[in-house]
Amino acid sequence: MKSNANVTDKIESMILLALDAKHKAVKTTDNSVRVSDTGDIWEKVDQGTMFLKTDEMIPESAFTFDMADKDRIFAGSKDGLLDHAAEIIGDQTEIAMLMPSGSLKWLGFRRMARKPKGLAYLGKASHFYEYHFRLVHQNGQGAYIKRIVVLNHKGDVLPAKIGGEFLCSPSQEGTSFYIAASMVEDAHRANTMLAAVKDATELKFSVPLDDYKAMFSGREAPMAGARRKAIIHWVAKHLRRSHAGNPYEVKRHVRGVDEITIDGLRIHITPNA
């Protein structure tokens, strides 16, 4: 398990990078790869920007990995999910991850009310999603592209094109969509606490019950006199006696504060069932 200092450093880095994730998508009319005037930034033509007339999407509230378990594996196909991917993603979902290089990778999915004009796909579609991808480097450079995810009622991602350009590939956009759904499912798994850190933008991640007290042991508030208040925790089902001496059952429930502060970061903790 990572120390709370490492966790807060990672959270702060992700929030700062997310706030810088406002790059404009590249708009060109050719199919080449070009270099910027400074000679050091390569920009790919984004056919999604050319053909998808959707509003831009920036980080607001993203799920990220369990910060206590770096070896966790996420599903890259519908077979690894408990429900239909569209039911998990809902109307809108974001995920974010801090890469080993220190860059932030962010993906946003937003459900579309209708099929985009000119979209051609194989199969019978039941759901259409905007796909927004942002990459933000520590030096402020970054990239932004738009794609689409098309699904059928079985949860399969369908290949799709607009204007002869592939905007949905099952092996790329499809895999990313399934991974996002898997991260959301994992964040709500049983025997964990869901931590939400909000500071202009929000990050949400699950913490196993065995780890969360130690992870947040460095909390600064809230206080009860000279002592910190007990952090939220589950109280097991047990028997108690009334004033009259009669036994009665107390159901499993939570106690403790669900809002804490660490290094200036406000963290809200919600127990998963």
C-alpha atoms as a PDB file:
ATOM      1  CA  MET A   1       0.000   0.000   0.000  1.00  0.00           C
ATOM      2  CA  LYS A   2       1.252   3.477  -0.848  1.00  0.00           C
ATOM      3  CA  SER A   3       1.900   6.008   1.913  1.00  0.00           C
ATOM      4  CA  ASN A   4      -0.543   8.862   2.291  1.00  0.00           C
ATOM      5  CA  ALA A   5       2.230  11.287   1.198  1.00  0.00           C
ATOM      6  CA  ASN A   6       2.642   9.455  -2.108  1.00  0.00           C
ATOM      7  CA  VAL A   7      -1.104   9.349  -2.617  1.00  0.00           C
ATOM      8  CA  THR A   8      -1.605  13.073  -1.963  1.00  0.00           C
ATOM      9  CA  ASP A   9       1.347  13.931  -4.250  1.00  0.00           C
ATOM     10  CA  LYS A  10      -0.232  11.858  -7.015  1.00  0.00           C
ATOM     11  CA  ILE A  11      -3.658  13.421  -6.471  1.00  0.00           C
ATOM     12  CA  GLU A  12      -2.226  16.946  -6.528  1.00  0.00           C
ATOM     13  CA  SER A  13      -0.330  16.213  -9.751  1.00  0.00           C
ATOM     14  CA  MET A  14      -3.417  14.809 -11.444  1.00  0.00           C
ATOM     15  CA  ILE A  15      -5.574  17.761 -10.401  1.00  0.00           C
ATOM     16  CA  LEU A  16      -3.019  20.312 -11.621  1.00  0.00           C
ATOM     17  CA  LEU A  17      -2.648  18.537 -14.955  1.00  0.00           C
ATOM     18  CA  ALA A  18      -6.421  18.177 -15.309  1.00  0.00           C
ATOM     19  CA  LEU A  19      -6.829  21.932 -14.838  1.00  0.00           C
ATOM     20  CA  ASP A  20      -4.410  22.405 -17.754  1.00  0.00           C
ATOM     21  CA  ALA A  21      -6.382  20.043 -20.009  1.00  0.00           C
ATOM     22  CA  LYS A  22      -7.870  22.718 -22.237  1.00  0.00           C
ATOM     23  CA  HIS A  23      -5.946  22.199 -25.460  1.00  0.00           C
ATOM     24  CA  LYS A  24      -7.886  22.757 -28.655  1.00  0.00           C
ATOM     25  CA  ALA A  25      -8.294  19.912 -31.114  1.00  0.00           C
ATOM     26  CA  VAL A  26      -6.188  20.191 -34.259  1.00  0.00           C
ATOM     27  CA  LYS A  27      -8.253  21.328 -37.242  1.00  0.00           C
ATOM     28  CA  THR A  28      -6.746  20.751 -40.671  1.00  0.00           C
ATOM     29  CA  THR A  29      -7.969  19.758 -44.107  1.00  0.00           C
ATOM     30  CA  ASP A  30      -5.082  17.515 -45.174  1.00  0.00           C
ATOM     31  CA  ASN A  31      -4.111  14.018 -44.072  1.00  0.00           C
ATOM     32  CA  SER A  32      -0.495  14.662 -43.177  1.00  0.00           C
ATOM     33  CA  VAL A  33       1.341  14.863 -39.900  1.00  0.00           C
ATOM     34  CA  ARG A  34       2.865  18.285 -39.415  1.00  0.00           C
ATOM     35  CA  VAL A  35       5.249  19.963 -37.014  1.00  0.00           C
ATOM     36  CA  SER A  36       4.501  23.224 -35.271  1.00  0.00           C
ATOM     37  CA  ASP A  37       6.276  26.490 -35.953  1.00  0.00           C
ATOM     38  CA  THR A  38       8.534  25.916 -32.948  1.00  0.00           C
ATOM     39  CA  GLY A  39       9.687  22.632 -34.444  1.00  0.00           C
ATOM     40  CA  ASP A  40       9.117  20.543 -31.334  1.00  0.00           C
ATOM     41  CA  ILE A  41       5.401  19.650 -31.220  1.00  0.00           C
ATOM     42  CA  TRP A  42       4.009  17.025 -33.563  1.00  0.00           C
ATOM     43  CA  GLU A  43       0.300  17.298 -34.166  1.00  0.00           C
ATOM     44  CA  LYS A  44      -1.844  14.602 -35.724  1.00  0.00           C
ATOM     45  CA  VAL A  45      -4.779  15.475 -37.899  1.00  0.00           C
ATOM     46  CA  ASP A  46      -7.944  14.814 -35.895  1.00  0.00           C
ATOM     47  CA  GLN A  47     -10.631  13.536 -38.218  1.00  0.00           C
ATOM     48  CA  GLY A  48     -13.020  13.438 -35.262  1.00  0.00           C
ATOM     49  CA  THR A  49     -12.889  17.228 -35.026  1.00  0.00           C
ATOM     50  CA  MET A  50     -13.513  17.495 -38.751  1.00  0.00           C
ATOM     51  CA  PHE A  51     -16.598  15.260 -38.807  1.00  0.00           C
ATOM     52  CA  LEU A  52     -18.095  15.260 -35.295  1.00  0.00           C
ATOM     53  CA  LYS A  53     -19.878  18.514 -34.505  1.00  0.00           C
ATOM     54  CA  THR A  54     -19.891  18.006 -30.740  1.00  0.00           C
ATOM     55  CA  ASP A  55     -19.072  20.420 -27.937  1.00  0.00           C
ATOM     56  CA  GLU A  56     -15.690  20.102 -26.305  1.00  0.00           C
ATOM     57  CA  MET A  57     -15.382  18.244 -23.017  1.00  0.00           C
ATOM     58  CA  ILE A  58     -12.927  19.061 -20.224  1.00  0.00           C
ATOM     59  CA  PRO A  59     -12.156  17.212 -16.960  1.00  0.00           C
ATOM     60  CA  GLU A  60     -14.771  17.767 -14.256  1.00  0.00           C
ATOM     61  CA  SER A  61     -15.200  14.549 -12.260  1.00  0.00           C
ATOM     62  CA  ALA A  62     -13.112  11.531 -13.224  1.00  0.00           C
ATOM     63  CA  PHE A  63     -12.668   8.042 -11.852  1.00  0.00           C
ATOM     64  CA  THR A  64      -9.093   6.846 -11.484  1.00  0.00           C
ATOM     65  CA  PHE A  65      -7.301   3.710 -10.339  1.00  0.00           C
ATOM     66  CA  ASP A  66      -7.342   2.256  -6.842  1.00  0.00           C
ATOM     67  CA  MET A  67      -4.274   4.029  -5.455  1.00  0.00           C
ATOM     68  CA  ALA A  68      -3.604   1.253  -2.953  1.00  0.00           C
ATOM     69  CA  ASP A  69      -3.307  -1.470  -5.619  1.00  0.00           C
ATOM     70  CA  LYS A  70      -1.097  -0.707  -8.623  1.00  0.00           C
ATOM     71  CA  ASP A  71      -1.350  -4.284  -9.924  1.00  0.00           C
ATOM     72  CA  ARG A  72      -5.127  -4.304 -10.400  1.00  0.00           C
ATOM     73  CA  ILE A  73      -6.298  -5.567 -13.809  1.00  0.00           C
ATOM     74  CA  PHE A  74      -9.227  -4.007 -15.664  1.00  0.00           C
ATOM     75  CA  ALA A  75     -11.452  -5.522 -18.334  1.00  0.00           C
ATOM     76  CA  GLY A  76     -10.700  -4.688 -21.957  1.00  0.00           C
ATOM     77  CA  SER A  77     -13.772  -6.456 -23.325  1.00  0.00           C
ATOM     78  CA  LYS A  78     -17.462  -6.782 -22.506  1.00  0.00           C
ATOM     79  CA  ASP A  79     -16.868 -10.290 -21.128  1.00  0.00           C
ATOM     80  CA  GLY A  80     -15.100  -8.848 -18.095  1.00  0.00           C
ATOM     81  CA  LEU A  81     -18.020  -6.600 -17.105  1.00  0.00           C
ATOM     82  CA  LEU A  82     -20.946  -7.454 -14.850  1.00  0.00           C
ATOM     83  CA  ASP A  83     -23.437  -5.274 -16.762  1.00  0.00           C
ATOM     84  CA  HIS A  84     -23.864  -3.773 -20.214  1.00  0.00           C
ATOM     85  CA  ALA A  85     -21.117  -1.180 -20.719  1.00  0.00           C
ATOM     86  CA  ALA A  86     -23.660   1.549 -21.537  1.00  0.00           C
ATOM     87  CA  GLU A  87     -25.487   0.918 -18.239  1.00  0.00           C
ATOM     88  CA  ILE A  88     -22.203   1.380 -16.369  1.00  0.00           C
ATOM     89  CA  ILE A  89     -21.074   4.482 -18.262  1.00  0.00           C
ATOM     90  CA  GLY A  90     -24.537   6.068 -18.104  1.00  0.00           C
ATOM     91  CA  ASP A  91     -25.074   9.498 -19.634  1.00  0.00           C
ATOM     92  CA  GLN A  92     -21.539  10.707 -18.922  1.00  0.00           C
ATOM     93  CA  THR A  93     -18.366   9.278 -17.409  1.00  0.00           C
ATOM     94  CA  GLU A  94     -14.739  10.366 -17.180  1.00  0.00           C
ATOM     95  CA  ILE A  95     -11.614   8.423 -16.302  1.00  0.00           C
ATOM     96  CA  ALA A  96      -8.091   9.681 -15.694  1.00  0.00           C
ATOM     97  CA  MET A  97      -4.717   8.066 -15.112  1.00  0.00           C
ATOM     98  CA  LEU A  98      -1.245   9.332 -14.327  1.00  0.00           C
ATOM     99  CA  MET A  99       1.255   7.717 -16.682  1.00  0.00           C
ATOM    100  CA  PRO A 100       4.763   6.569 -15.585  1.00  0.00           C
ATOM    101  CA  SER A 101       6.153   9.539 -17.532  1.00  0.00           C
ATOM    102  CA  GLY A 102       4.173  11.908 -15.311  1.00  0.00           C
ATOM    103  CA  SER A 103       1.693  12.836 -18.060  1.00  0.00           C
ATOM    104  CA  LEU A 104      -2.059  12.730 -17.534  1.00  0.00           C
ATOM    105  CA  LYS A 105      -4.281  10.653 -19.797  1.00  0.00           C
ATOM    106  CA  TRP A 106      -7.966  11.589 -19.608  1.00  0.00           C
ATOM    107  CA  LEU A 107     -10.973  10.128 -21.406  1.00  0.00           C
ATOM    108  CA  GLY A 108     -14.527  11.455 -21.376  1.00  0.00           C
ATOM    109  CA  PHE A 109     -17.632   9.683 -22.697  1.00  0.00           C
ATOM    110  CA  ARG A 110     -20.949  11.425 -23.249  1.00  0.00           C
ATOM    111  CA  ARG A 111     -24.087   9.734 -24.537  1.00  0.00           C
ATOM    112  CA  MET A 112     -25.547  11.083 -27.780  1.00  0.00           C
ATOM    113  CA  ALA A 113     -29.293  11.487 -28.219  1.00  0.00           C
ATOM    114  CA  ARG A 114     -29.195  10.439 -31.866  1.00  0.00           C
ATOM    115  CA  LYS A 115     -26.965   9.003 -34.569  1.00  0.00           C
ATOM    116  CA  PRO A 116     -24.517  11.595 -35.951  1.00  0.00           C
ATOM    117  CA  LYS A 117     -25.168  12.729 -39.497  1.00  0.00           C
ATOM    118  CA  GLY A 118     -23.231  10.732 -42.071  1.00  0.00           C
ATOM    119  CA  LEU A 119     -22.226   7.960 -39.664  1.00  0.00           C
ATOM    120  CA  ALA A 120     -21.977   4.481 -41.212  1.00  0.00           C
ATOM    121  CA  TYR A 121     -21.474   1.341 -39.125  1.00  0.00           C
ATOM    122  CA  LEU A 122     -21.722  -2.437 -39.298  1.00  0.00           C
ATOM    123  CA  GLY A 123     -24.606  -4.011 -37.367  1.00  0.00           C
ATOM    124  CA  LYS A 124     -27.615  -2.668 -35.481  1.00  0.00           C
ATOM    125  CA  ALA A 125     -26.687   0.099 -33.055  1.00  0.00           C
ATOM    126  CA  SER A 126     -28.434   0.823 -29.763  1.00  0.00           C
ATOM    127  CA  HIS A 127     -26.111   3.413 -28.161  1.00  0.00           C
ATOM    128  CA  PHE A 128     -23.909   6.242 -29.449  1.00  0.00           C
ATOM    129  CA  TYR A 129     -21.268   7.942 -27.298  1.00  0.00           C
ATOM    130  CA  GLU A 130     -18.976  10.880 -27.862  1.00  0.00           C
ATOM    131  CA  TYR A 131     -15.369   9.911 -27.069  1.00  0.00           C
ATOM    132  CA  HIS A 132     -13.043  12.691 -25.897  1.00  0.00           C
ATOM    133  CA  PHE A 133      -9.351  12.025 -25.298  1.00  0.00           C
ATOM    134  CA  ARG A 134      -6.861  14.418 -23.701  1.00  0.00           C
ATOM    135  CA  LEU A 135      -3.163  13.964 -23.022  1.00  0.00           C
ATOM    136  CA  VAL A 136      -1.446  16.565 -20.826  1.00  0.00           C
ATOM    137  CA  HIS A 137       2.323  16.692 -20.279  1.00  0.00           C
ATOM    138  CA  GLN A 138       4.058  18.323 -17.335  1.00  0.00           C
ATOM    139  CA  ASN A 139       5.518  21.028 -19.592  1.00  0.00           C
ATOM    140  CA  GLY A 140       1.994  22.141 -20.527  1.00  0.00           C
ATOM    141  CA  GLN A 141       1.922  20.607 -23.983  1.00  0.00           C
ATOM    142  CA  GLY A 142      -0.855  18.212 -24.833  1.00  0.00           C
ATOM    143  CA  ALA A 143      -3.318  16.815 -27.318  1.00  0.00           C
ATOM    144  CA  TYR A 144      -7.075  16.584 -27.717  1.00  0.00           C
ATOM    145  CA  ILE A 145      -9.002  14.341 -30.086  1.00  0.00           C
ATOM    146  CA  LYS A 146     -12.644  13.386 -30.603  1.00  0.00           C
ATOM    147  CA  ARG A 147     -13.991   9.993 -31.604  1.00  0.00           C
ATOM    148  CA  ILE A 148     -17.233   8.047 -31.211  1.00  0.00           C
ATOM    149  CA  VAL A 149     -18.255   4.740 -29.635  1.00  0.00           C
ATOM    150  CA  VAL A 150     -21.122   2.773 -31.191  1.00  0.00           C
ATOM    151  CA  LEU A 151     -22.611  -0.208 -29.343  1.00  0.00           C
ATOM    152  CA  ASN A 152     -25.326  -2.748 -30.031  1.00  0.00           C
ATOM    153  CA  HIS A 153     -27.834  -4.111 -27.505  1.00  0.00           C
ATOM    154  CA  LYS A 154     -25.441  -6.961 -26.613  1.00  0.00           C
ATOM    155  CA  GLY A 155     -22.703  -4.530 -25.626  1.00  0.00           C
ATOM    156  CA  ASP A 156     -20.492  -5.110 -28.666  1.00  0.00           C
ATOM    157  CA  VAL A 157     -18.634  -2.093 -30.062  1.00  0.00           C
ATOM    158  CA  LEU A 158     -19.328  -1.657 -33.783  1.00  0.00           C
ATOM    159  CA  PRO A 159     -16.804  -0.286 -36.310  1.00  0.00           C
ATOM    160  CA  ALA A 160     -17.989   3.074 -37.623  1.00  0.00           C
ATOM    161  CA  LYS A 161     -16.948   5.671 -40.197  1.00  0.00           C
ATOM    162  CA  ILE A 162     -17.811   9.212 -41.219  1.00  0.00           C
ATOM    163  CA  GLY A 163     -16.626  10.574 -44.531  1.00  0.00           C
ATOM    164  CA  GLY A 164     -14.540   7.475 -45.118  1.00  0.00           C
ATOM    165  CA  GLU A 165     -12.587   7.979 -41.874  1.00  0.00           C
ATOM    166  CA  PHE A 166     -12.724   5.408 -39.071  1.00  0.00           C
ATOM    167  CA  LEU A 167     -13.981   7.090 -35.906  1.00  0.00           C
ATOM    168  CA  CYS A 168     -14.770   3.917 -33.953  1.00  0.00           C
ATOM    169  CA  SER A 169     -12.549   0.866 -33.919  1.00  0.00           C
ATOM    170  CA  PRO A 170     -13.483  -2.031 -31.574  1.00  0.00           C
ATOM    171  CA  SER A 171      -9.781  -2.635 -30.839  1.00  0.00           C
ATOM    172  CA  GLN A 172      -9.078   0.995 -29.879  1.00  0.00           C
ATOM    173  CA  GLU A 173     -12.087   3.120 -28.941  1.00  0.00           C
ATOM    174  CA  GLY A 174     -13.947  -0.053 -27.947  1.00  0.00           C
ATOM    175  CA  THR A 175     -11.204  -1.266 -25.621  1.00  0.00           C
ATOM    176  CA  SER A 176     -10.952   2.176 -24.008  1.00  0.00           C
ATOM    177  CA  PHE A 177     -14.720   2.226 -23.458  1.00  0.00           C
ATOM    178  CA  TYR A 178     -14.667  -1.185 -21.759  1.00  0.00           C
ATOM    179  CA  ILE A 179     -11.706  -0.206 -19.574  1.00  0.00           C
ATOM    180  CA  ALA A 180     -13.571   2.933 -18.477  1.00  0.00           C
ATOM    181  CA  ALA A 181     -16.640   0.864 -17.599  1.00  0.00           C
ATOM    182  CA  SER A 182     -14.441  -1.590 -15.695  1.00  0.00           C
ATOM    183  CA  MET A 183     -12.852   1.248 -13.693  1.00  0.00           C
ATOM    184  CA  VAL A 184     -16.300   2.543 -12.718  1.00  0.00           C
ATOM    185  CA  GLU A 185     -17.425  -0.928 -11.648  1.00  0.00           C
ATOM    186  CA  ASP A 186     -14.237  -1.417  -9.678  1.00  0.00           C
ATOM    187  CA  ALA A 187     -14.641   1.922  -7.901  1.00  0.00           C
ATOM    188  CA  HIS A 188     -18.006   0.744  -6.556  1.00  0.00           C
ATOM    189  CA  ARG A 189     -16.983  -2.784  -5.599  1.00  0.00           C
ATOM    190  CA  ALA A 190     -17.920  -4.173  -2.208  1.00  0.00           C
ATOM    191  CA  ASN A 191     -15.646  -3.883   0.838  1.00  0.00           C
ATOM    192  CA  THR A 192     -14.146  -0.582  -0.289  1.00  0.00           C
ATOM    193  CA  MET A 193     -14.555   3.098   0.419  1.00  0.00           C
ATOM    194  CA  LEU A 194     -15.005   5.516  -2.483  1.00  0.00           C
ATOM    195  CA  ALA A 195     -12.824   8.586  -1.973  1.00  0.00           C
ATOM    196  CA  ALA A 196     -13.634  11.796  -3.861  1.00  0.00           C
ATOM    197  CA  VAL A 197     -11.120  14.657  -3.892  1.00  0.00           C
ATOM    198  CA  LYS A 198     -12.479  17.953  -5.213  1.00  0.00           C
ATOM    199  CA  ASP A 199     -10.437  21.069  -5.894  1.00  0.00           C
ATOM    200  CA  ALA A 200     -11.720  22.853  -9.030  1.00  0.00           C
ATOM    201  CA  THR A 201     -11.903  19.380 -10.592  1.00  0.00           C
ATOM    202  CA  GLU A 202     -12.740  16.050  -8.943  1.00  0.00           C
ATOM    203  CA  LEU A 203     -10.970  12.689  -8.758  1.00  0.00           C
ATOM    204  CA  LYS A 204     -12.702   9.535  -7.487  1.00  0.00           C
ATOM    205  CA  PHE A 205     -11.021   6.274  -6.511  1.00  0.00           C
ATOM    206  CA  SER A 206     -11.763   3.261  -4.344  1.00  0.00           C
ATOM    207  CA  VAL A 207      -9.731   2.234  -1.305  1.00  0.00           C
ATOM    208  CA  PRO A 208     -10.033  -1.267   0.229  1.00  0.00           C
ATOM    209  CA  LEU A 209     -11.263  -1.397   3.819  1.00  0.00           C
ATOM    210  CA  ASP A 210      -7.965  -2.959   4.879  1.00  0.00           C
ATOM    211  CA  ASP A 211      -6.027   0.065   3.606  1.00  0.00           C
ATOM    212  CA  TYR A 212      -8.094   3.206   3.829  1.00  0.00           C
ATOM    213  CA  LYS A 213      -7.508   4.050   7.504  1.00  0.00           C
ATOM    214  CA  ALA A 214      -3.741   3.827   7.055  1.00  0.00           C
ATOM    215  CA  MET A 215      -3.892   5.742   3.762  1.00  0.00           C
ATOM    216  CA  PHE A 216      -5.738   8.628   5.408  1.00  0.00           C
ATOM    217  CA  SER A 217      -3.914   8.463   8.742  1.00  0.00           C
ATOM    218  CA  GLY A 218      -2.258  11.814   8.008  1.00  0.00           C
ATOM    219  CA  ARG A 219      -5.553  13.683   7.992  1.00  0.00           C
ATOM    220  CA  GLU A 220      -5.532  17.095   9.616  1.00  0.00           C
ATOM    221  CA  ALA A 221      -9.237  17.590  10.242  1.00  0.00           C
ATOM    222  CA  PRO A 222     -11.868  17.520  11.523  1.00  0.00           C
ATOM    223  CA  MET A 223     -10.943  17.660  15.188  1.00  0.00           C
ATOM    224  CA  ALA A 224     -12.777  16.933  18.432  1.00  0.00           C
ATOM    225  CA  GLY A 225     -10.852  19.026  20.922  1.00  0.00           C
ATOM    226  CA  ALA A 226      -7.206  17.905  20.790  1.00  0.00           C
ATOM    227  CA  ARG A 227      -8.029  14.651  18.985  1.00  0.00           C
ATOM    228  CA  ARG A 228      -8.995  13.918  15.428  1.00  0.00           C
ATOM    229  CA  LYS A 229     -12.510  12.611  14.965  1.00  0.00           C
ATOM    230  CA  ALA A 230     -12.815   8.959  14.001  1.00  0.00           C
ATOM    231  CA  ILE A 231     -12.860   8.414  10.248  1.00  0.00           C
ATOM    232  CA  ILE A 232     -15.931   6.782   8.732  1.00  0.00           C
ATOM    233  CA  HIS A 233     -16.007   3.014   9.250  1.00  0.00           C
ATOM    234  CA  TRP A 234     -18.357   0.062   9.183  1.00  0.00           C
ATOM    235  CA  VAL A 235     -19.789  -1.235  12.459  1.00  0.00           C
ATOM    236  CA  ALA A 236     -20.662  -4.937  12.248  1.00  0.00           C
ATOM    237  CA  LYS A 237     -24.107  -6.261  13.096  1.00  0.00           C
ATOM    238  CA  HIS A 238     -24.289  -6.999  16.818  1.00  0.00           C
ATOM    239  CA  LEU A 239     -26.597  -7.480  19.792  1.00  0.00           C
ATOM    240  CA  ARG A 240     -27.277  -4.842  22.430  1.00  0.00           C
ATOM    241  CA  ARG A 241     -29.516  -4.626  25.460  1.00  0.00           C
ATOM    242  CA  SER A 242     -32.148  -2.026  26.093  1.00  0.00           C
ATOM    243  CA  HIS A 243     -32.458  -0.132  29.392  1.00  0.00           C
ATOM    244  CA  ALA A 244     -34.960  -2.764  30.404  1.00  0.00           C
ATOM    245  CA  GLY A 245     -32.371  -5.483  29.761  1.00  0.00           C
ATOM    246  CA  ASN A 246     -33.990  -6.879  26.629  1.00  0.00           C
ATOM    247  CA  PRO A 247     -31.621  -7.925  23.810  1.00  0.00           C
ATOM    248  CA  TYR A 248     -32.079  -6.415  20.332  1.00  0.00           C
ATOM    249  CA  GLU A 249     -30.130  -6.558  17.083  1.00  0.00           C
ATOM    250  CA  VAL A 250     -28.242  -3.564  15.727  1.00  0.00           C
ATOM    251  CA  LYS A 251     -27.862  -3.795  11.957  1.00  0.00           C
ATOM    252  CA  ARG A 252     -24.544  -3.244  10.165  1.00  0.00           C
ATOM    253  CA  HIS A 253     -24.015   0.501   9.747  1.00  0.00           C
ATOM    254  CA  VAL A 254     -21.389   3.211   9.342  1.00  0.00           C
ATOM    255  CA  ARG A 255     -20.048   5.681  11.885  1.00  0.00           C
ATOM    256  CA  GLY A 256     -17.473   8.451  11.842  1.00  0.00           C
ATOM    257  CA  VAL A 257     -16.795  11.554   9.745  1.00  0.00           C
ATOM    258  CA  ASP A 258     -16.919  11.293   5.963  1.00  0.00           C
ATOM    259  CA  GLU A 259     -15.158  14.613   5.211  1.00  0.00           C
ATOM    260  CA  ILE A 260     -11.433  14.886   5.969  1.00  0.00           C
ATOM    261  CA  THR A 261      -8.548  17.172   5.003  1.00  0.00           C
ATOM    262  CA  ILE A 262      -5.017  16.098   4.025  1.00  0.00           C
ATOM    263  CA  ASP A 263      -2.398  18.626   2.872  1.00  0.00           C
ATOM    264  CA  GLY A 264      -5.168  21.080   2.077  1.00  0.00           C
ATOM    265  CA  LEU A 265      -7.098  18.551  -0.022  1.00  0.00           C
ATOM    266  CA  ARG A 266     -10.705  17.960   0.974  1.00  0.00           C
ATOM    267  CA  ILE A 267     -11.657  14.307   0.669  1.00  0.00           C
ATOM    268  CA  HIS A 268     -15.187  12.933   0.859  1.00  0.00           C
ATOM    269  CA  ILE A 269     -15.453   9.221   1.662  1.00  0.00           C
ATOM    270  CA  THR A 270     -18.483   7.096   0.800  1.00  0.00           C
ATOM    271  CA  PRO A 271     -18.770   3.446   1.929  1.00  0.00           C
ATOM    272  CA  ASN A 272     -19.610   0.969  -0.815  1.00  0.00           C
ATOM    273  CA  ALA A 273     -22.086  -1.701   0.210  1.00  0.00           C
END
